[in-house]
């Protein structure tokens, strides 16, 4: 009996340690992500990046294009937006998540949008 319980616990622990499964975004999720990315008070991605049909785009950061090809692992792209200093300690990109500029759901919506580019 005890051995079976330990096996169930270990299986549950192993399953919970796997990468999160992301649901297919809706058009509303994608639209919200674009709104956040283009917003001068929220994501403000256009301050540094050229992308899509953005006006007055910056050129400090790389162009945001072919994002799903460049970042096939969605979690890596999420982490880069959450806190780019994990990957590049001298970056000028704000750590949007770590500094609570954007929440997890907002960053996920931005990733939903970026994956359309």
C-alpha atoms as a PDB file:
ATOM      1  CA  UNK A   1       0.000   0.000   0.000  1.00  0.00           C
ATOM      2  CA  UNK A   2       2.695   2.492   0.998  1.00  0.00           C
ATOM      3  CA  UNK A   3       4.805   1.635  -2.057  1.00  0.00           C
ATOM      4  CA  UNK A   4       1.866   2.371  -4.364  1.00  0.00           C
ATOM      5  CA  UNK A   5       1.286   5.739  -2.698  1.00  0.00           C
ATOM      6  CA  UNK A   6       4.951   6.682  -3.136  1.00  0.00           C
ATOM      7  CA  UNK A   7       4.772   5.700  -6.806  1.00  0.00           C
ATOM      8  CA  UNK A   8       1.680   7.877  -7.330  1.00  0.00           C
ATOM      9  CA  UNK A   9       3.362  10.815  -5.571  1.00  0.00           C
ATOM     10  CA  UNK A  10       6.520  10.473  -7.670  1.00  0.00           C
ATOM     11  CA  UNK A  11       4.486  10.260 -10.878  1.00  0.00           C
ATOM     12  CA  UNK A  12       2.504  13.358  -9.891  1.00  0.00           C
ATOM     13  CA  UNK A  13       5.714  15.215  -9.059  1.00  0.00           C
ATOM     14  CA  UNK A  14       7.276  14.252 -12.402  1.00  0.00           C
ATOM     15  CA  UNK A  15       4.201  15.396 -14.321  1.00  0.00           C
ATOM     16  CA  UNK A  16       4.059  18.725 -12.493  1.00  0.00           C
ATOM     17  CA  UNK A  17       7.718  19.421 -13.345  1.00  0.00           C
ATOM     18  CA  UNK A  18       7.117  19.228 -17.089  1.00  0.00           C
ATOM     19  CA  UNK A  19       6.817  22.329 -19.242  1.00  0.00           C
ATOM     20  CA  UNK A  20       3.438  24.057 -19.162  1.00  0.00           C
ATOM     21  CA  UNK A  21       0.968  23.330 -21.920  1.00  0.00           C
ATOM     22  CA  UNK A  22      -0.296  26.452 -23.655  1.00  0.00           C
ATOM     23  CA  UNK A  23      -3.791  26.650 -25.057  1.00  0.00           C
ATOM     24  CA  UNK A  24      -4.246  27.845 -28.618  1.00  0.00           C
ATOM     25  CA  UNK A  25      -4.721  31.626 -28.399  1.00  0.00           C
ATOM     26  CA  UNK A  26      -7.960  33.192 -29.528  1.00  0.00           C
ATOM     27  CA  UNK A  27      -8.062  36.181 -31.870  1.00  0.00           C
ATOM     28  CA  UNK A  28      -8.988  38.270 -28.818  1.00  0.00           C
ATOM     29  CA  UNK A  29      -5.776  37.092 -27.063  1.00  0.00           C
ATOM     30  CA  UNK A  30      -3.703  38.040 -30.107  1.00  0.00           C
ATOM     31  CA  UNK A  31      -5.422  41.429 -30.430  1.00  0.00           C
ATOM     32  CA  UNK A  32      -4.828  42.137 -26.732  1.00  0.00           C
ATOM     33  CA  UNK A  33      -1.153  41.195 -27.142  1.00  0.00           C
ATOM     34  CA  UNK A  34      -0.757  43.611 -30.047  1.00  0.00           C
ATOM     35  CA  UNK A  35      -2.481  46.333 -28.054  1.00  0.00           C
ATOM     36  CA  UNK A  36      -0.072  45.779 -25.136  1.00  0.00           C
ATOM     37  CA  UNK A  37       2.992  45.632 -27.400  1.00  0.00           C
ATOM     38  CA  UNK A  38       2.042  48.867 -29.204  1.00  0.00           C
ATOM     39  CA  UNK A  39       0.887  50.745 -26.095  1.00  0.00           C
ATOM     40  CA  UNK A  40       3.214  53.547 -25.016  1.00  0.00           C
ATOM     41  CA  UNK A  41       2.219  53.008 -21.367  1.00  0.00           C
ATOM     42  CA  UNK A  42       2.316  49.204 -21.187  1.00  0.00           C
ATOM     43  CA  UNK A  43       4.688  47.036 -23.259  1.00  0.00           C
ATOM     44  CA  UNK A  44       5.975  49.854 -25.448  1.00  0.00           C
ATOM     45  CA  UNK A  45       7.857  47.345 -27.627  1.00  0.00           C
ATOM     46  CA  UNK A  46       7.905  49.889 -30.453  1.00  0.00           C
ATOM     47  CA  UNK A  47      10.221  52.127 -28.453  1.00  0.00           C
ATOM     48  CA  UNK A  48      13.059  49.722 -29.297  1.00  0.00           C
ATOM     49  CA  UNK A  49      11.823  47.253 -31.923  1.00  0.00           C
ATOM     50  CA  UNK A  50      10.509  47.379 -35.474  1.00  0.00           C
ATOM     51  CA  UNK A  51       7.519  45.111 -35.962  1.00  0.00           C
ATOM     52  CA  UNK A  52       4.432  44.537 -38.020  1.00  0.00           C
ATOM     53  CA  UNK A  53       2.723  47.823 -38.921  1.00  0.00           C
ATOM     54  CA  UNK A  54       4.072  49.791 -35.953  1.00  0.00           C
ATOM     55  CA  UNK A  55       4.641  53.513 -36.382  1.00  0.00           C
ATOM     56  CA  UNK A  56       7.663  55.387 -35.002  1.00  0.00           C
ATOM     57  CA  UNK A  57       9.494  52.119 -34.315  1.00  0.00           C
ATOM     58  CA  UNK A  58      12.870  52.120 -32.628  1.00  0.00           C
ATOM     59  CA  UNK A  59      16.032  50.381 -33.739  1.00  0.00           C
ATOM     60  CA  UNK A  60      17.791  49.641 -30.437  1.00  0.00           C
ATOM     61  CA  UNK A  61      16.549  46.034 -30.300  1.00  0.00           C
ATOM     62  CA  UNK A  62      16.240  43.460 -33.060  1.00  0.00           C
ATOM     63  CA  UNK A  63      13.306  43.501 -35.457  1.00  0.00           C
ATOM     64  CA  UNK A  64      10.475  41.359 -34.140  1.00  0.00           C
ATOM     65  CA  UNK A  65       9.790  39.064 -37.095  1.00  0.00           C
ATOM     66  CA  UNK A  66       9.662  35.283 -37.615  1.00  0.00           C
ATOM     67  CA  UNK A  67       9.273  34.957 -33.861  1.00  0.00           C
ATOM     68  CA  UNK A  68       7.934  31.398 -33.715  1.00  0.00           C
ATOM     69  CA  UNK A  69      10.840  30.243 -35.902  1.00  0.00           C
ATOM     70  CA  UNK A  70      13.372  32.179 -33.813  1.00  0.00           C
ATOM     71  CA  UNK A  71      11.837  31.020 -30.531  1.00  0.00           C
ATOM     72  CA  UNK A  72      10.248  27.605 -31.061  1.00  0.00           C
ATOM     73  CA  UNK A  73      10.266  27.182 -27.271  1.00  0.00           C
ATOM     74  CA  UNK A  74       7.572  29.592 -26.149  1.00  0.00           C
ATOM     75  CA  UNK A  75       8.827  29.516 -22.550  1.00  0.00           C
ATOM     76  CA  UNK A  76      12.204  30.987 -23.600  1.00  0.00           C
ATOM     77  CA  UNK A  77      10.529  33.938 -25.327  1.00  0.00           C
ATOM     78  CA  UNK A  78       8.319  34.441 -22.257  1.00  0.00           C
ATOM     79  CA  UNK A  79      11.402  34.420 -19.988  1.00  0.00           C
ATOM     80  CA  UNK A  80      13.190  36.938 -22.203  1.00  0.00           C
ATOM     81  CA  UNK A  81      10.291  39.369 -21.878  1.00  0.00           C
ATOM     82  CA  UNK A  82       9.894  38.590 -18.167  1.00  0.00           C
ATOM     83  CA  UNK A  83      13.566  39.392 -17.454  1.00  0.00           C
ATOM     84  CA  UNK A  84      16.046  39.720 -20.336  1.00  0.00           C
ATOM     85  CA  UNK A  85      18.869  40.243 -17.814  1.00  0.00           C
ATOM     86  CA  UNK A  86      18.842  36.457 -17.280  1.00  0.00           C
ATOM     87  CA  UNK A  87      20.210  36.134 -20.817  1.00  0.00           C
ATOM     88  CA  UNK A  88      22.051  39.443 -21.226  1.00  0.00           C
ATOM     89  CA  UNK A  89      23.055  41.211 -17.985  1.00  0.00           C
ATOM     90  CA  UNK A  90      23.899  44.449 -19.846  1.00  0.00           C
ATOM     91  CA  UNK A  91      20.637  44.716 -21.790  1.00  0.00           C
ATOM     92  CA  UNK A  92      18.672  47.959 -21.912  1.00  0.00           C
ATOM     93  CA  UNK A  93      15.409  46.001 -22.150  1.00  0.00           C
ATOM     94  CA  UNK A  94      13.361  46.435 -18.985  1.00  0.00           C
ATOM     95  CA  UNK A  95      12.642  43.289 -16.969  1.00  0.00           C
ATOM     96  CA  UNK A  96       8.891  43.608 -17.574  1.00  0.00           C
ATOM     97  CA  UNK A  97       7.833  40.782 -15.283  1.00  0.00           C
ATOM     98  CA  UNK A  98      10.446  41.077 -12.553  1.00  0.00           C
ATOM     99  CA  UNK A  99       9.721  44.806 -12.186  1.00  0.00           C
ATOM    100  CA  UNK A 100       5.954  44.170 -12.355  1.00  0.00           C
ATOM    101  CA  UNK A 101       5.511  46.357 -15.436  1.00  0.00           C
ATOM    102  CA  UNK A 102       3.487  43.534 -16.992  1.00  0.00           C
ATOM    103  CA  UNK A 103       1.874  40.479 -15.434  1.00  0.00           C
ATOM    104  CA  UNK A 104       2.225  36.874 -16.601  1.00  0.00           C
ATOM    105  CA  UNK A 105      -1.054  36.938 -18.514  1.00  0.00           C
ATOM    106  CA  UNK A 106      -0.097  40.182 -20.260  1.00  0.00           C
ATOM    107  CA  UNK A 107       3.286  38.775 -21.280  1.00  0.00           C
ATOM    108  CA  UNK A 108       1.560  35.633 -22.551  1.00  0.00           C
ATOM    109  CA  UNK A 109      -0.765  37.776 -24.678  1.00  0.00           C
ATOM    110  CA  UNK A 110       2.261  39.619 -26.117  1.00  0.00           C
ATOM    111  CA  UNK A 111       3.871  36.266 -26.940  1.00  0.00           C
ATOM    112  CA  UNK A 112       0.596  35.186 -28.595  1.00  0.00           C
ATOM    113  CA  UNK A 113       0.826  38.288 -30.793  1.00  0.00           C
ATOM    114  CA  UNK A 114       4.567  37.963 -31.466  1.00  0.00           C
ATOM    115  CA  UNK A 115       4.003  34.410 -32.707  1.00  0.00           C
ATOM    116  CA  UNK A 116       1.858  35.867 -35.505  1.00  0.00           C
ATOM    117  CA  UNK A 117       4.824  37.903 -36.803  1.00  0.00           C
END
